[in-house]
Amino acid sequence: MNSIARTLAFTLATCLSAGAMADERIQHAKGLPADTLAQAVSNLNSHNAQLAELLQQPLTPQRMDEAHLLSYTLENALQRIN
């Protein structure tokens, strides 16, 4: 019983510390800026076209990552347009 409790405590501590270390390493993309309305419309058009082309292909983890990265620029553009 005592060894089970130690194993569970060790496992929990390992998971929590690994999660904390992972949070420190995560860096999110910022996407292209949309400082002006013209820049926002241009970014929206180009990145929306890239996303549409990407979604015509079979979805893979790499393509999902590419779509995720495109979404940051699209979000910036939509915030400026709004």
C-alpha atoms as a PDB file:
ATOM      1  CA  MET A   1       0.000   0.000   0.000  1.00  0.00           C
ATOM      2  CA  ASN A   2       2.780   2.418   0.907  1.00  0.00           C
ATOM      3  CA  SER A   3       4.593   1.785  -2.388  1.00  0.00           C
ATOM      4  CA  ILE A   4       1.374   2.443  -4.311  1.00  0.00           C
ATOM      5  CA  ALA A   5       0.975   5.809  -2.600  1.00  0.00           C
ATOM      6  CA  ARG A   6       4.607   6.717  -3.372  1.00  0.00           C
ATOM      7  CA  THR A   7       4.171   5.691  -7.011  1.00  0.00           C
ATOM      8  CA  LEU A   8       1.024   7.794  -7.346  1.00  0.00           C
ATOM      9  CA  ALA A   9       2.721  10.786  -5.684  1.00  0.00           C
ATOM     10  CA  PHE A  10       5.730  10.456  -7.983  1.00  0.00           C
ATOM     11  CA  THR A  11       3.527  10.164 -11.061  1.00  0.00           C
ATOM     12  CA  LEU A  12       1.483  13.196 -10.062  1.00  0.00           C
ATOM     13  CA  ALA A  13       4.588  15.277  -9.350  1.00  0.00           C
ATOM     14  CA  THR A  14       6.133  14.274 -12.671  1.00  0.00           C
ATOM     15  CA  CYS A  15       2.996  15.170 -14.626  1.00  0.00           C
ATOM     16  CA  LEU A  16       2.615  18.524 -12.906  1.00  0.00           C
ATOM     17  CA  SER A  17       6.249  19.506 -13.388  1.00  0.00           C
ATOM     18  CA  ALA A  18       6.208  18.422 -17.041  1.00  0.00           C
ATOM     19  CA  GLY A  19       3.075  20.513 -17.602  1.00  0.00           C
ATOM     20  CA  ALA A  20       4.671  23.548 -15.989  1.00  0.00           C
ATOM     21  CA  MET A  21       7.790  23.194 -18.133  1.00  0.00           C
ATOM     22  CA  ALA A  22       5.703  22.822 -21.293  1.00  0.00           C
ATOM     23  CA  ASP A  23       3.787  26.027 -20.499  1.00  0.00           C
ATOM     24  CA  GLU A  24       7.048  27.949 -20.269  1.00  0.00           C
ATOM     25  CA  ARG A  25       8.160  26.802 -23.723  1.00  0.00           C
ATOM     26  CA  ILE A  26       4.947  27.478 -25.637  1.00  0.00           C
ATOM     27  CA  GLN A  27       5.214  30.519 -27.878  1.00  0.00           C
ATOM     28  CA  HIS A  28       2.216  31.452 -29.944  1.00  0.00           C
ATOM     29  CA  ALA A  29       2.479  32.963 -33.384  1.00  0.00           C
ATOM     30  CA  LYS A  30       1.293  36.521 -33.753  1.00  0.00           C
ATOM     31  CA  GLY A  31       0.369  36.500 -37.421  1.00  0.00           C
ATOM     32  CA  LEU A  32       0.911  39.351 -39.812  1.00  0.00           C
ATOM     33  CA  PRO A  33      -0.087  42.774 -38.531  1.00  0.00           C
ATOM     34  CA  ALA A  34      -3.108  44.617 -39.858  1.00  0.00           C
ATOM     35  CA  ASP A  35      -2.157  48.210 -39.094  1.00  0.00           C
ATOM     36  CA  THR A  36      -4.423  49.720 -41.740  1.00  0.00           C
ATOM     37  CA  LEU A  37      -7.740  48.738 -43.270  1.00  0.00           C
ATOM     38  CA  ALA A  38      -6.056  48.184 -46.649  1.00  0.00           C
ATOM     39  CA  GLN A  39      -3.477  45.883 -45.082  1.00  0.00           C
ATOM     40  CA  ALA A  40      -6.226  43.998 -43.226  1.00  0.00           C
ATOM     41  CA  VAL A  41      -8.241  43.444 -46.422  1.00  0.00           C
ATOM     42  CA  SER A  42      -5.124  42.327 -48.287  1.00  0.00           C
ATOM     43  CA  ASN A  43      -4.153  39.883 -45.533  1.00  0.00           C
ATOM     44  CA  LEU A  44      -7.707  38.597 -45.282  1.00  0.00           C
ATOM     45  CA  ASN A  45      -7.909  37.935 -49.019  1.00  0.00           C
ATOM     46  CA  SER A  46      -4.505  36.278 -49.326  1.00  0.00           C
ATOM     47  CA  HIS A  47      -4.669  34.162 -46.171  1.00  0.00           C
ATOM     48  CA  ASN A  48      -8.288  33.152 -46.735  1.00  0.00           C
ATOM     49  CA  ALA A  49      -7.273  31.912 -50.200  1.00  0.00           C
ATOM     50  CA  GLN A  50      -4.340  30.000 -48.680  1.00  0.00           C
ATOM     51  CA  LEU A  51      -6.663  28.434 -46.109  1.00  0.00           C
ATOM     52  CA  ALA A  52      -9.201  27.438 -48.774  1.00  0.00           C
ATOM     53  CA  GLU A  53      -6.432  25.797 -50.823  1.00  0.00           C
ATOM     54  CA  LEU A  54      -5.103  24.033 -47.753  1.00  0.00           C
ATOM     55  CA  LEU A  55      -8.540  22.647 -46.882  1.00  0.00           C
ATOM     56  CA  GLN A  56      -8.915  21.119 -50.356  1.00  0.00           C
ATOM     57  CA  GLN A  57      -6.200  18.619 -49.427  1.00  0.00           C
ATOM     58  CA  PRO A  58      -6.463  15.689 -47.011  1.00  0.00           C
ATOM     59  CA  LEU A  59      -6.126  16.928 -43.457  1.00  0.00           C
ATOM     60  CA  THR A  60      -2.864  15.968 -41.762  1.00  0.00           C
ATOM     61  CA  PRO A  61      -1.309  17.194 -38.512  1.00  0.00           C
ATOM     62  CA  GLN A  62       1.044  19.414 -40.534  1.00  0.00           C
ATOM     63  CA  ARG A  63      -1.837  20.952 -42.488  1.00  0.00           C
ATOM     64  CA  MET A  64      -3.792  21.515 -39.272  1.00  0.00           C
ATOM     65  CA  ASP A  65      -0.756  23.368 -37.907  1.00  0.00           C
ATOM     66  CA  GLU A  66      -0.544  25.465 -41.079  1.00  0.00           C
ATOM     67  CA  ALA A  67      -4.250  26.316 -40.796  1.00  0.00           C
ATOM     68  CA  HIS A  68      -3.749  27.248 -37.157  1.00  0.00           C
ATOM     69  CA  LEU A  69      -0.886  29.591 -38.072  1.00  0.00           C
ATOM     70  CA  LEU A  70      -2.954  31.182 -40.853  1.00  0.00           C
ATOM     71  CA  SER A  71      -5.735  31.830 -38.353  1.00  0.00           C
ATOM     72  CA  TYR A  72      -3.615  34.331 -36.415  1.00  0.00           C
ATOM     73  CA  THR A  73      -3.265  36.609 -39.444  1.00  0.00           C
ATOM     74  CA  LEU A  74      -6.947  36.156 -40.271  1.00  0.00           C
ATOM     75  CA  GLU A  75      -7.865  37.087 -36.701  1.00  0.00           C
ATOM     76  CA  ASN A  76      -5.708  40.241 -36.859  1.00  0.00           C
ATOM     77  CA  ALA A  77      -7.317  41.229 -40.151  1.00  0.00           C
ATOM     78  CA  LEU A  78     -10.859  40.675 -38.877  1.00  0.00           C
ATOM     79  CA  GLN A  79     -10.182  42.666 -35.717  1.00  0.00           C
ATOM     80  CA  ARG A  80      -9.012  45.634 -37.808  1.00  0.00           C
ATOM     81  CA  ILE A  81     -11.979  45.382 -40.170  1.00  0.00           C
ATOM     82  CA  ASN A  82     -14.431  45.177 -37.298  1.00  0.00           C
END
